[in-house]
């Protein structure tokens, strides 16, 4: 389209809001107040004001973007090395199983049970770190399964209000000087057994244990 053809679209003073037919090629026009076209193809563009997009914005590469609000990514978000993710204010929530997160202290898991008299109670060291046993009158032997090297565990032993529960331990439990403590008996007394897993596996499980008796 020639300069003369453009001038016929503009008003006599060269201003106004021109409207170009589809497929029009414009050359030699530097400033247009309003451009209305179905399709504009250009190699580069520069905008000094705001840009509004009513439909879908498609782009191949963005090096700098300032975004406020929700970000939706096609295949993931990557953060540069040495950078951090943090909230402007409030709390960041992470979803998923957290299996790839490190340096985070896990919460203490607990279990409680009331075993029958004259039974062997097996503590599952994989499913919980704190165990509570409300005992019945009779003989109770404590052993364990699972666990990992270095894990710490605690066991609260609650005696029955009437009668006596005699408590014994499997050979997994090792006590200072090899002396197995005489646990409290009857009257609802409370003892605390604490231990660290020294070894698990084919060589035999070893738990380094100590006891606190008759908490009042």
N, C-alpha and C. Protein backbone atom coordinates (compact mmCIF):
# COMPACT_ATOMS: atom_id res chain seq x y z
N UNK A 1 0.85 -1.18 0.00
CA UNK A 1 0.00 0.00 0.00
C UNK A 1 0.89 1.23 0.00
N UNK A 2 0.65 2.17 -0.87
CA UNK A 2 1.48 3.38 -0.99
C UNK A 2 1.10 4.39 0.06
N UNK A 3 1.99 5.42 0.21
CA UNK A 3 1.69 6.50 1.15
C UNK A 3 0.40 7.18 0.77
N UNK A 4 0.14 7.32 -0.53
CA UNK A 4 -1.08 7.96 -0.99
C UNK A 4 -2.30 7.18 -0.55
N UNK A 5 -2.22 5.82 -0.65
CA UNK A 5 -3.34 4.99 -0.22
C UNK A 5 -3.58 5.10 1.27
N UNK A 6 -2.49 5.22 2.05
CA UNK A 6 -2.65 5.39 3.49
C UNK A 6 -3.31 6.72 3.79
N UNK A 7 -2.90 7.76 3.09
CA UNK A 7 -3.49 9.08 3.32
C UNK A 7 -4.97 9.09 3.05
N UNK A 8 -5.45 8.29 2.12
CA UNK A 8 -6.89 8.27 1.86
C UNK A 8 -7.66 7.63 3.00
N UNK A 9 -6.96 6.75 3.78
CA UNK A 9 -7.62 6.13 4.93
C UNK A 9 -7.66 7.09 6.11
N UNK A 10 -6.56 7.85 6.32
CA UNK A 10 -6.51 8.82 7.41
C UNK A 10 -7.33 10.03 7.04
N UNK A 11 -7.63 10.87 8.03
CA UNK A 11 -8.32 12.11 7.70
C UNK A 11 -7.32 13.07 7.08
N UNK A 12 -7.73 14.23 6.71
CA UNK A 12 -6.90 15.15 5.96
C UNK A 12 -5.65 15.58 6.72
N UNK A 13 -5.67 15.60 8.03
CA UNK A 13 -4.52 16.03 8.80
C UNK A 13 -3.60 14.86 9.17
N UNK A 14 -3.90 13.66 8.64
CA UNK A 14 -3.02 12.52 8.89
C UNK A 14 -3.18 11.89 10.24
N UNK A 15 -4.32 12.12 10.88
CA UNK A 15 -4.57 11.52 12.20
C UNK A 15 -5.88 10.76 12.14
N UNK A 16 -6.21 10.09 13.23
CA UNK A 16 -7.46 9.36 13.27
C UNK A 16 -7.25 7.91 13.59
N UNK A 17 -8.24 7.07 13.32
CA UNK A 17 -8.18 5.64 13.61
C UNK A 17 -8.37 4.87 12.31
N UNK A 18 -7.28 4.53 11.65
CA UNK A 18 -7.43 3.83 10.37
C UNK A 18 -7.85 2.39 10.57
N UNK A 19 -8.50 1.81 9.59
CA UNK A 19 -8.88 0.41 9.59
C UNK A 19 -8.40 -0.19 8.27
N UNK A 20 -7.60 -1.23 8.37
CA UNK A 20 -6.98 -1.80 7.18
C UNK A 20 -7.64 -3.13 6.84
N UNK A 21 -7.80 -3.41 5.56
CA UNK A 21 -8.36 -4.70 5.15
C UNK A 21 -7.38 -5.83 5.42
N UNK A 22 -7.88 -7.06 5.49
CA UNK A 22 -7.02 -8.21 5.70
C UNK A 22 -5.97 -8.31 4.60
N UNK A 23 -4.73 -8.63 5.01
CA UNK A 23 -3.66 -8.80 4.04
C UNK A 23 -2.97 -7.53 3.65
N UNK A 24 -3.37 -6.37 4.22
CA UNK A 24 -2.74 -5.09 3.86
C UNK A 24 -1.32 -5.05 4.39
N UNK A 25 -0.39 -4.59 3.59
CA UNK A 25 1.00 -4.41 3.97
C UNK A 25 1.26 -2.93 4.08
N UNK A 26 1.74 -2.46 5.25
CA UNK A 26 1.92 -1.04 5.50
C UNK A 26 3.40 -0.73 5.53
N UNK A 27 3.82 0.23 4.78
CA UNK A 27 5.22 0.66 4.77
C UNK A 27 5.28 2.18 4.77
N UNK A 28 6.25 2.70 5.48
CA UNK A 28 6.43 4.14 5.47
C UNK A 28 5.54 4.89 6.42
N UNK A 29 4.84 4.19 7.31
CA UNK A 29 3.99 4.85 8.30
C UNK A 29 4.64 4.64 9.66
N UNK A 30 5.04 5.67 10.36
CA UNK A 30 5.76 5.57 11.62
C UNK A 30 4.83 5.61 12.82
N UNK A 31 3.78 6.41 12.77
CA UNK A 31 2.91 6.60 13.93
C UNK A 31 1.46 6.43 13.52
N UNK A 32 0.79 5.55 14.23
CA UNK A 32 -0.65 5.36 14.03
C UNK A 32 -1.29 5.36 15.41
N UNK A 33 -2.30 6.17 15.60
CA UNK A 33 -2.94 6.27 16.91
C UNK A 33 -3.65 4.98 17.28
N UNK A 34 -4.45 4.45 16.39
CA UNK A 34 -5.17 3.20 16.61
C UNK A 34 -5.09 2.35 15.36
N UNK A 35 -4.64 1.10 15.56
CA UNK A 35 -4.54 0.16 14.46
C UNK A 35 -5.52 -0.97 14.70
N UNK A 36 -6.43 -1.20 13.78
CA UNK A 36 -7.41 -2.27 13.89
C UNK A 36 -7.18 -3.24 12.74
N UNK A 37 -6.78 -4.46 13.09
CA UNK A 37 -6.50 -5.46 12.06
C UNK A 37 -6.76 -6.84 12.62
N UNK A 38 -7.15 -7.78 11.75
CA UNK A 38 -7.40 -9.15 12.18
C UNK A 38 -6.10 -9.88 12.50
N UNK A 39 -5.08 -9.69 11.65
CA UNK A 39 -3.79 -10.35 11.84
C UNK A 39 -2.67 -9.36 11.57
N UNK A 40 -1.70 -9.30 12.48
CA UNK A 40 -0.52 -8.46 12.30
C UNK A 40 0.71 -9.36 12.42
N UNK A 41 1.53 -9.43 11.40
CA UNK A 41 2.78 -10.18 11.40
C UNK A 41 3.94 -9.21 11.43
N UNK A 42 4.83 -9.34 12.41
CA UNK A 42 5.96 -8.43 12.53
C UNK A 42 7.16 -9.18 13.09
N UNK A 43 8.36 -8.70 12.76
CA UNK A 43 9.58 -9.32 13.26
C UNK A 43 9.87 -8.90 14.69
N UNK A 44 9.79 -7.61 14.96
CA UNK A 44 10.00 -7.07 16.30
C UNK A 44 8.93 -6.05 16.61
N UNK A 45 8.76 -5.78 17.89
CA UNK A 45 7.80 -4.78 18.32
C UNK A 45 8.23 -4.14 19.61
N UNK A 46 7.89 -2.89 19.79
CA UNK A 46 8.23 -2.18 21.01
C UNK A 46 7.01 -1.42 21.49
N UNK A 47 6.68 -1.61 22.79
CA UNK A 47 5.51 -0.95 23.36
C UNK A 47 5.95 -0.13 24.56
N UNK A 48 5.55 1.12 24.61
CA UNK A 48 5.90 1.98 25.73
C UNK A 48 4.78 2.08 26.76
N UNK A 49 3.61 1.53 26.43
CA UNK A 49 2.49 1.55 27.36
C UNK A 49 2.02 0.15 27.69
N UNK A 50 0.77 0.03 28.13
CA UNK A 50 0.20 -1.25 28.50
C UNK A 50 -0.20 -2.04 27.28
N UNK A 51 -0.14 -3.37 27.40
CA UNK A 51 -0.56 -4.28 26.34
C UNK A 51 -1.62 -5.21 26.92
N UNK A 52 -2.78 -5.27 26.29
CA UNK A 52 -3.86 -6.14 26.74
C UNK A 52 -4.10 -7.21 25.68
N UNK A 53 -4.22 -8.46 26.14
CA UNK A 53 -4.48 -9.57 25.23
C UNK A 53 -5.79 -10.20 25.64
N UNK A 54 -6.76 -10.19 24.74
CA UNK A 54 -8.08 -10.73 25.05
C UNK A 54 -8.18 -12.23 24.84
N UNK A 55 -7.30 -12.80 24.04
CA UNK A 55 -7.34 -14.23 23.77
C UNK A 55 -6.18 -14.96 24.41
N UNK A 56 -5.57 -15.87 23.64
CA UNK A 56 -4.46 -16.68 24.14
C UNK A 56 -3.13 -16.10 23.69
N UNK A 57 -2.20 -15.93 24.62
CA UNK A 57 -0.87 -15.43 24.32
C UNK A 57 0.08 -16.62 24.21
N UNK A 58 0.70 -16.78 23.03
CA UNK A 58 1.63 -17.88 22.78
C UNK A 58 3.01 -17.30 22.54
N UNK A 59 4.01 -17.83 23.25
CA UNK A 59 5.37 -17.32 23.10
C UNK A 59 6.35 -18.48 23.17
N UNK A 60 7.51 -18.29 22.55
CA UNK A 60 8.54 -19.33 22.51
C UNK A 60 9.57 -19.18 23.60
N UNK A 61 9.94 -17.96 23.93
CA UNK A 61 11.03 -17.76 24.89
C UNK A 61 10.80 -16.47 25.65
N UNK A 62 10.94 -16.56 26.98
CA UNK A 62 10.81 -15.38 27.83
C UNK A 62 11.99 -15.37 28.80
N UNK A 63 12.77 -14.31 28.79
CA UNK A 63 13.91 -14.22 29.70
C UNK A 63 13.60 -13.41 30.94
N UNK A 64 12.71 -12.48 30.85
CA UNK A 64 12.34 -11.67 32.01
C UNK A 64 10.83 -11.52 32.03
N UNK A 65 10.22 -11.93 33.13
CA UNK A 65 8.78 -11.79 33.25
C UNK A 65 8.43 -11.43 34.69
N UNK A 66 7.55 -10.49 34.86
CA UNK A 66 7.08 -10.08 36.18
C UNK A 66 5.63 -10.49 36.28
N UNK A 67 5.37 -11.54 37.07
CA UNK A 67 4.03 -12.10 37.14
C UNK A 67 3.51 -12.02 38.56
N UNK A 68 2.28 -11.59 38.71
CA UNK A 68 1.62 -11.52 40.01
C UNK A 68 0.36 -12.37 39.93
N UNK A 69 0.21 -13.30 40.87
CA UNK A 69 -0.96 -14.15 40.85
C UNK A 69 -0.59 -15.60 40.64
N UNK A 70 -1.52 -16.36 40.07
CA UNK A 70 -1.34 -17.79 39.87
C UNK A 70 -0.56 -18.06 38.60
N UNK A 71 0.46 -18.94 38.71
CA UNK A 71 1.26 -19.33 37.56
C UNK A 71 0.89 -20.76 37.20
N UNK A 72 0.58 -21.00 35.93
CA UNK A 72 0.30 -22.33 35.43
C UNK A 72 1.39 -22.71 34.45
N UNK A 73 2.09 -23.79 34.72
CA UNK A 73 3.19 -24.22 33.87
C UNK A 73 2.83 -25.53 33.19
N UNK A 74 3.31 -25.70 31.96
CA UNK A 74 2.99 -26.90 31.20
C UNK A 74 3.68 -28.14 31.76
N UNK A 75 4.97 -28.03 32.11
CA UNK A 75 5.72 -29.22 32.50
C UNK A 75 6.59 -29.03 33.72
N UNK A 76 6.38 -27.98 34.51
CA UNK A 76 7.17 -27.79 35.72
C UNK A 76 7.78 -26.41 35.79
N UNK A 77 8.22 -26.05 36.98
CA UNK A 77 8.83 -24.75 37.22
C UNK A 77 10.24 -24.98 37.73
N UNK A 78 11.24 -24.37 37.10
CA UNK A 78 12.62 -24.51 37.52
C UNK A 78 13.11 -23.18 38.11
N UNK A 79 13.79 -23.29 39.24
CA UNK A 79 14.35 -22.12 39.92
C UNK A 79 15.86 -22.15 39.77
N UNK A 80 16.45 -21.04 39.43
CA UNK A 80 17.89 -20.98 39.20
C UNK A 80 18.69 -21.37 40.42
N UNK A 81 19.93 -21.83 40.18
CA UNK A 81 20.80 -22.25 41.27
C UNK A 81 21.06 -21.10 42.23
N UNK A 82 21.02 -21.40 43.52
CA UNK A 82 21.27 -20.39 44.53
C UNK A 82 20.06 -19.52 44.85
N UNK A 83 18.95 -19.77 44.17
CA UNK A 83 17.74 -18.99 44.43
C UNK A 83 16.86 -19.73 45.42
N UNK A 84 15.91 -19.04 46.01
CA UNK A 84 15.03 -19.65 47.00
C UNK A 84 13.59 -19.35 46.65
N UNK A 85 12.70 -20.17 47.20
CA UNK A 85 11.27 -19.98 47.03
C UNK A 85 10.70 -19.60 48.39
N UNK A 86 10.04 -18.47 48.45
CA UNK A 86 9.48 -18.02 49.73
C UNK A 86 8.28 -17.13 49.50
N UNK A 87 7.41 -17.02 50.48
CA UNK A 87 6.21 -16.21 50.34
C UNK A 87 6.49 -14.73 50.56
N UNK A 88 5.73 -13.88 49.90
CA UNK A 88 5.77 -12.46 50.22
C UNK A 88 5.28 -12.26 51.65
N UNK A 89 4.25 -13.02 52.02
CA UNK A 89 3.77 -13.07 53.40
C UNK A 89 2.99 -14.36 53.56
N UNK A 90 2.80 -14.79 54.79
CA UNK A 90 2.04 -16.00 55.03
C UNK A 90 2.90 -17.26 54.98
N UNK A 91 2.31 -18.36 54.58
CA UNK A 91 2.95 -19.67 54.63
C UNK A 91 2.94 -20.35 53.27
N UNK A 92 4.04 -21.03 52.94
CA UNK A 92 4.08 -21.83 51.73
C UNK A 92 3.66 -23.25 52.08
N UNK A 93 2.77 -23.84 51.28
CA UNK A 93 2.31 -25.21 51.50
C UNK A 93 2.86 -26.10 50.39
N UNK A 94 3.42 -27.24 50.78
CA UNK A 94 3.94 -28.23 49.84
C UNK A 94 3.01 -29.44 49.85
N UNK A 95 2.70 -29.94 48.67
CA UNK A 95 1.80 -31.08 48.56
C UNK A 95 2.54 -32.28 47.97
N UNK A 96 2.09 -33.47 48.30
CA UNK A 96 2.75 -34.68 47.85
C UNK A 96 3.27 -35.47 49.03
N UNK A 97 4.04 -36.53 48.74
CA UNK A 97 4.51 -37.39 49.82
C UNK A 97 5.78 -36.88 50.49
N UNK A 98 6.41 -35.84 49.92
CA UNK A 98 7.59 -35.26 50.54
C UNK A 98 8.82 -36.13 50.48
N UNK A 99 8.82 -37.18 49.62
CA UNK A 99 9.94 -38.12 49.60
C UNK A 99 11.23 -37.50 49.10
N UNK A 100 11.13 -36.40 48.35
CA UNK A 100 12.33 -35.76 47.81
C UNK A 100 12.78 -34.55 48.61
N UNK A 101 12.12 -34.27 49.72
CA UNK A 101 12.50 -33.15 50.56
C UNK A 101 13.53 -33.60 51.58
N UNK A 102 14.53 -32.76 51.85
CA UNK A 102 15.56 -33.10 52.83
C UNK A 102 15.67 -31.98 53.85
N UNK A 103 16.31 -32.29 54.97
CA UNK A 103 16.53 -31.29 56.00
C UNK A 103 15.29 -30.90 56.76
N UNK A 104 14.28 -31.77 56.75
CA UNK A 104 13.02 -31.49 57.43
C UNK A 104 12.81 -32.52 58.53
N UNK A 105 12.60 -32.04 59.73
CA UNK A 105 12.38 -32.94 60.85
C UNK A 105 10.97 -33.50 60.79
N UNK A 106 10.87 -34.81 60.77
CA UNK A 106 9.55 -35.44 60.70
C UNK A 106 8.89 -35.43 62.07
N UNK A 107 7.57 -35.45 62.09
CA UNK A 107 6.84 -35.49 63.34
C UNK A 107 6.95 -36.87 63.98
N UNK A 108 6.74 -36.94 65.29
CA UNK A 108 6.80 -38.20 66.01
C UNK A 108 5.48 -38.94 65.81
N UNK A 109 5.58 -40.20 65.35
CA UNK A 109 4.39 -41.02 65.21
C UNK A 109 4.23 -41.87 66.45
N UNK A 110 2.97 -42.14 66.83
CA UNK A 110 2.69 -42.83 68.09
C UNK A 110 1.74 -44.00 67.88
N UNK A 111 1.75 -44.89 68.83
CA UNK A 111 0.80 -45.99 68.85
C UNK A 111 0.49 -46.33 70.30
N UNK A 112 -0.72 -46.78 70.55
CA UNK A 112 -1.11 -47.16 71.91
C UNK A 112 -1.94 -48.44 71.84
N UNK A 113 -1.74 -49.32 72.82
CA UNK A 113 -2.50 -50.58 72.82
C UNK A 113 -2.65 -51.08 74.25
N UNK A 114 -3.58 -52.01 74.41
CA UNK A 114 -3.82 -52.64 75.71
C UNK A 114 -3.73 -54.15 75.51
N UNK A 115 -2.53 -54.70 75.56
CA UNK A 115 -2.36 -56.13 75.29
C UNK A 115 -2.98 -57.00 76.38
N UNK A 116 -3.39 -58.19 75.97
CA UNK A 116 -3.95 -59.14 76.92
C UNK A 116 -2.86 -59.67 77.84
N UNK A 117 -3.27 -60.27 78.92
CA UNK A 117 -2.31 -60.83 79.88
C UNK A 117 -1.60 -62.04 79.28
N UNK A 118 -0.38 -62.26 79.74
CA UNK A 118 0.41 -63.42 79.36
C UNK A 118 0.62 -63.49 77.84
N UNK A 119 1.06 -62.38 77.26
CA UNK A 119 1.29 -62.33 75.82
C UNK A 119 2.67 -61.74 75.54
N UNK A 120 3.11 -61.97 74.31
CA UNK A 120 4.32 -61.32 73.80
C UNK A 120 3.88 -60.13 72.96
N UNK A 121 4.30 -58.94 73.34
CA UNK A 121 3.93 -57.72 72.62
C UNK A 121 5.07 -57.35 71.67
N UNK A 122 4.76 -57.24 70.38
CA UNK A 122 5.75 -56.87 69.38
C UNK A 122 5.57 -55.42 68.98
N UNK A 123 6.56 -54.60 69.27
CA UNK A 123 6.52 -53.19 68.89
C UNK A 123 7.00 -53.06 67.45
N UNK A 124 6.20 -52.43 66.61
CA UNK A 124 6.58 -52.18 65.22
C UNK A 124 7.38 -50.88 65.17
N UNK A 125 8.69 -51.01 65.08
CA UNK A 125 9.54 -49.82 65.12
C UNK A 125 9.50 -49.03 63.82
N UNK A 126 8.95 -49.61 62.76
CA UNK A 126 8.85 -48.91 61.49
C UNK A 126 7.67 -47.96 61.46
N UNK A 127 6.59 -48.32 62.14
CA UNK A 127 5.36 -47.53 62.05
C UNK A 127 5.25 -46.45 63.11
N UNK A 128 6.05 -46.51 64.18
CA UNK A 128 5.91 -45.51 65.25
C UNK A 128 7.21 -45.38 66.02
N UNK A 129 7.42 -44.19 66.62
CA UNK A 129 8.58 -43.95 67.47
C UNK A 129 8.22 -43.93 68.96
N UNK A 130 6.95 -43.64 69.24
CA UNK A 130 6.50 -43.62 70.64
C UNK A 130 5.39 -44.65 70.81
N UNK A 131 5.53 -45.46 71.84
CA UNK A 131 4.59 -46.57 72.06
C UNK A 131 4.06 -46.48 73.49
N UNK A 132 2.78 -46.76 73.65
CA UNK A 132 2.19 -46.78 74.99
C UNK A 132 1.45 -48.09 75.18
N UNK A 133 1.78 -48.78 76.27
CA UNK A 133 1.16 -50.06 76.58
C UNK A 133 0.45 -49.97 77.92
N UNK A 134 -0.85 -50.20 77.91
CA UNK A 134 -1.62 -50.30 79.15
C UNK A 134 -1.75 -51.79 79.46
N UNK A 135 -1.07 -52.25 80.50
CA UNK A 135 -0.90 -53.68 80.75
C UNK A 135 -2.06 -54.26 81.55
N UNK A 136 -2.19 -55.59 81.41
CA UNK A 136 -3.14 -56.36 82.21
C UNK A 136 -2.35 -57.25 83.17
N UNK A 137 -2.98 -57.65 84.25
CA UNK A 137 -2.31 -58.51 85.23
C UNK A 137 -1.84 -59.79 84.56
N UNK A 138 -0.61 -60.18 84.82
CA UNK A 138 -0.03 -61.37 84.20
C UNK A 138 1.39 -61.08 83.76
N UNK A 139 1.86 -61.86 82.81
CA UNK A 139 3.24 -61.70 82.32
C UNK A 139 3.20 -61.12 80.91
N UNK A 140 3.95 -60.06 80.70
CA UNK A 140 4.06 -59.43 79.38
C UNK A 140 5.52 -59.39 78.97
N UNK A 141 5.82 -59.93 77.80
CA UNK A 141 7.17 -59.89 77.26
C UNK A 141 7.18 -58.95 76.05
N UNK A 142 8.14 -58.04 76.03
CA UNK A 142 8.20 -57.04 74.96
C UNK A 142 9.33 -57.38 74.00
N UNK A 143 9.01 -57.40 72.72
CA UNK A 143 10.00 -57.56 71.67
C UNK A 143 9.69 -56.52 70.59
N UNK A 144 10.32 -56.62 69.42
CA UNK A 144 10.09 -55.60 68.40
C UNK A 144 10.35 -56.18 67.01
N UNK A 145 9.95 -55.42 66.00
CA UNK A 145 10.22 -55.76 64.61
C UNK A 145 10.51 -54.47 63.85
N UNK A 146 11.22 -54.60 62.73
CA UNK A 146 11.52 -53.42 61.92
C UNK A 146 12.52 -52.50 62.57
N UNK A 147 12.47 -51.24 62.19
CA UNK A 147 13.37 -50.25 62.73
C UNK A 147 14.56 -49.98 61.83
N UNK A 148 15.24 -48.87 62.09
CA UNK A 148 16.42 -48.48 61.32
C UNK A 148 17.51 -48.02 62.27
N UNK A 149 18.73 -48.18 61.85
CA UNK A 149 19.89 -47.79 62.65
C UNK A 149 19.79 -46.32 63.08
N UNK A 150 19.99 -46.07 64.37
CA UNK A 150 19.99 -44.71 64.89
C UNK A 150 18.64 -44.20 65.34
N UNK A 151 17.55 -44.92 65.05
CA UNK A 151 16.22 -44.46 65.47
C UNK A 151 16.11 -44.47 66.99
N UNK A 152 15.42 -43.48 67.52
CA UNK A 152 15.15 -43.42 68.96
C UNK A 152 13.68 -43.74 69.21
N UNK A 153 13.43 -44.51 70.26
CA UNK A 153 12.07 -44.91 70.59
C UNK A 153 11.83 -44.77 72.09
N UNK A 154 10.57 -44.63 72.44
CA UNK A 154 10.18 -44.60 73.85
C UNK A 154 8.93 -45.45 74.02
N UNK A 155 8.86 -46.08 75.19
CA UNK A 155 7.72 -46.94 75.51
C UNK A 155 7.22 -46.58 76.91
N UNK A 156 5.97 -46.16 77.00
CA UNK A 156 5.35 -45.91 78.29
C UNK A 156 4.60 -47.17 78.72
N UNK A 157 4.91 -47.68 79.91
CA UNK A 157 4.29 -48.89 80.44
C UNK A 157 3.40 -48.51 81.63
N UNK A 158 2.11 -48.80 81.49
CA UNK A 158 1.15 -48.45 82.53
C UNK A 158 0.66 -49.73 83.19
N UNK A 159 0.93 -49.87 84.48
CA UNK A 159 0.52 -51.05 85.23
C UNK A 159 -1.00 -51.04 85.46
N UNK A 160 -1.60 -52.21 85.63
CA UNK A 160 -3.04 -52.26 85.93
C UNK A 160 -3.32 -51.68 87.31
N UNK A 161 -4.53 -51.19 87.48
CA UNK A 161 -4.90 -50.62 88.78
C UNK A 161 -5.07 -51.71 89.83
N UNK A 162 -5.43 -52.91 89.40
CA UNK A 162 -5.51 -54.04 90.32
C UNK A 162 -4.74 -55.21 89.72
N UNK A 163 -4.03 -55.93 90.56
CA UNK A 163 -3.19 -57.00 90.09
C UNK A 163 -1.82 -56.47 89.66
N UNK A 164 -0.96 -57.36 89.22
CA UNK A 164 0.41 -57.01 88.87
C UNK A 164 0.73 -57.53 87.47
N UNK A 165 1.33 -56.69 86.69
CA UNK A 165 1.84 -57.10 85.38
C UNK A 165 3.36 -57.22 85.48
N UNK A 166 3.86 -58.40 85.26
CA UNK A 166 5.30 -58.63 85.28
C UNK A 166 5.84 -58.44 83.87
N UNK A 167 6.83 -57.56 83.72
CA UNK A 167 7.33 -57.18 82.40
C UNK A 167 8.70 -57.79 82.15
N UNK A 168 8.85 -58.45 81.00
CA UNK A 168 10.14 -58.99 80.59
C UNK A 168 10.48 -58.49 79.19
N UNK A 169 11.71 -58.71 78.77
CA UNK A 169 12.18 -58.19 77.48
C UNK A 169 12.89 -59.28 76.69
N UNK A 170 12.78 -59.18 75.36
CA UNK A 170 13.49 -60.13 74.50
C UNK A 170 14.98 -59.81 74.53
N UNK A 171 15.77 -60.69 73.95
CA UNK A 171 17.22 -60.51 73.96
C UNK A 171 17.67 -59.35 73.06
N UNK A 172 16.75 -58.76 72.31
CA UNK A 172 17.10 -57.57 71.52
C UNK A 172 17.52 -56.42 72.42
N UNK A 173 16.95 -56.34 73.61
CA UNK A 173 17.17 -55.21 74.51
C UNK A 173 18.45 -55.41 75.31
N UNK A 174 19.35 -54.43 75.23
CA UNK A 174 20.59 -54.45 76.00
C UNK A 174 20.56 -53.30 76.99
N UNK A 175 20.83 -53.62 78.29
CA UNK A 175 20.78 -52.61 79.34
C UNK A 175 22.17 -52.36 79.91
N UNK A 176 22.38 -51.22 80.54
CA UNK A 176 23.70 -50.91 81.11
C UNK A 176 24.17 -52.03 82.05
N UNK A 177 25.43 -52.44 81.85
CA UNK A 177 26.05 -53.50 82.67
C UNK A 177 25.31 -54.83 82.54
N UNK A 178 24.43 -54.95 81.56
CA UNK A 178 23.72 -56.20 81.37
C UNK A 178 22.65 -56.47 82.39
N UNK A 179 22.29 -55.45 83.20
CA UNK A 179 21.31 -55.65 84.27
C UNK A 179 19.91 -55.25 83.78
N UNK A 180 19.02 -56.22 83.67
CA UNK A 180 17.64 -55.94 83.26
C UNK A 180 16.91 -55.31 84.43
N UNK A 181 16.31 -54.14 84.26
CA UNK A 181 15.67 -53.46 85.39
C UNK A 181 14.42 -54.19 85.85
N UNK A 182 14.14 -54.08 87.13
CA UNK A 182 12.90 -54.62 87.69
C UNK A 182 11.84 -53.53 87.58
N UNK A 183 10.93 -53.72 86.65
CA UNK A 183 9.93 -52.68 86.39
C UNK A 183 8.92 -52.60 87.54
N UNK A 184 8.23 -51.47 87.62
CA UNK A 184 7.23 -51.28 88.68
C UNK A 184 6.11 -52.30 88.54
N UNK A 185 5.39 -52.51 89.63
CA UNK A 185 4.33 -53.52 89.63
C UNK A 185 3.06 -52.94 90.25
N UNK A 186 1.94 -53.09 89.54
CA UNK A 186 0.61 -52.79 90.05
C UNK A 186 0.33 -51.33 90.36
N UNK A 187 -0.89 -51.11 90.85
CA UNK A 187 -1.36 -49.81 91.35
C UNK A 187 -1.28 -48.69 90.31
N UNK A 188 -1.38 -49.04 89.04
CA UNK A 188 -1.38 -48.03 87.99
C UNK A 188 -0.06 -47.29 87.83
N UNK A 189 1.03 -47.86 88.32
CA UNK A 189 2.34 -47.20 88.23
C UNK A 189 2.77 -47.07 86.76
N UNK A 190 3.58 -46.04 86.51
CA UNK A 190 3.99 -45.74 85.14
C UNK A 190 5.51 -45.78 85.04
N UNK A 191 6.01 -46.55 84.08
CA UNK A 191 7.44 -46.63 83.78
C UNK A 191 7.69 -46.14 82.36
N UNK A 192 8.94 -45.73 82.12
CA UNK A 192 9.32 -45.28 80.77
C UNK A 192 10.56 -46.04 80.32
N UNK A 193 10.43 -46.70 79.18
CA UNK A 193 11.56 -47.40 78.57
C UNK A 193 12.00 -46.60 77.35
N UNK A 194 13.29 -46.26 77.29
CA UNK A 194 13.84 -45.51 76.14
C UNK A 194 14.96 -46.33 75.53
N UNK A 195 15.06 -46.31 74.20
CA UNK A 195 16.13 -47.07 73.56
C UNK A 195 16.46 -46.51 72.18
N UNK A 196 17.68 -46.80 71.74
CA UNK A 196 18.17 -46.42 70.42
C UNK A 196 18.50 -47.70 69.66
N UNK A 197 18.14 -47.72 68.38
CA UNK A 197 18.43 -48.90 67.56
C UNK A 197 19.91 -48.89 67.17
N UNK A 198 20.66 -49.85 67.67
CA UNK A 198 22.08 -49.97 67.34
C UNK A 198 22.30 -50.81 66.09
N UNK A 199 21.47 -51.84 65.93
CA UNK A 199 21.66 -52.74 64.80
C UNK A 199 20.36 -53.48 64.51
N UNK A 200 20.07 -53.69 63.23
CA UNK A 200 18.94 -54.53 62.81
C UNK A 200 19.43 -55.43 61.69
N UNK A 201 18.72 -56.53 61.48
CA UNK A 201 19.07 -57.38 60.35
C UNK A 201 19.49 -58.77 60.76
N UNK A 202 20.16 -59.45 59.80
CA UNK A 202 20.51 -60.85 59.97
C UNK A 202 21.47 -61.07 61.14
N UNK A 203 22.31 -60.09 61.43
CA UNK A 203 23.26 -60.24 62.54
C UNK A 203 22.58 -60.17 63.89
N UNK A 204 21.32 -59.82 63.92
CA UNK A 204 20.59 -59.74 65.18
C UNK A 204 20.35 -58.30 65.60
N UNK A 205 19.11 -58.01 65.95
CA UNK A 205 18.75 -56.65 66.36
C UNK A 205 19.32 -56.36 67.75
N UNK A 206 19.85 -55.15 67.91
CA UNK A 206 20.34 -54.71 69.21
C UNK A 206 19.75 -53.33 69.52
N UNK A 207 19.17 -53.21 70.69
CA UNK A 207 18.56 -51.96 71.15
C UNK A 207 19.23 -51.55 72.45
N UNK A 208 19.80 -50.36 72.47
CA UNK A 208 20.46 -49.87 73.68
C UNK A 208 19.41 -49.15 74.52
N UNK A 209 19.05 -49.76 75.66
CA UNK A 209 17.88 -49.32 76.40
C UNK A 209 18.22 -48.87 77.81
N UNK A 210 17.34 -48.04 78.34
CA UNK A 210 17.39 -47.63 79.75
C UNK A 210 15.96 -47.41 80.23
N UNK A 211 15.76 -47.46 81.55
CA UNK A 211 14.40 -47.38 82.09
C UNK A 211 14.31 -46.36 83.19
N UNK A 212 13.20 -45.65 83.21
CA UNK A 212 12.85 -44.77 84.32
C UNK A 212 11.64 -45.37 85.01
N UNK A 213 11.70 -45.49 86.33
CA UNK A 213 10.69 -46.27 87.04
C UNK A 213 9.79 -45.40 87.92
N UNK A 214 8.54 -45.82 87.98
CA UNK A 214 7.56 -45.31 88.93
C UNK A 214 7.43 -43.79 88.88
N UNK A 215 7.07 -43.29 87.71
CA UNK A 215 6.84 -41.84 87.57
C UNK A 215 5.60 -41.43 88.37
N UNK A 216 5.74 -40.34 89.13
CA UNK A 216 4.64 -39.88 89.96
C UNK A 216 4.41 -38.40 89.77
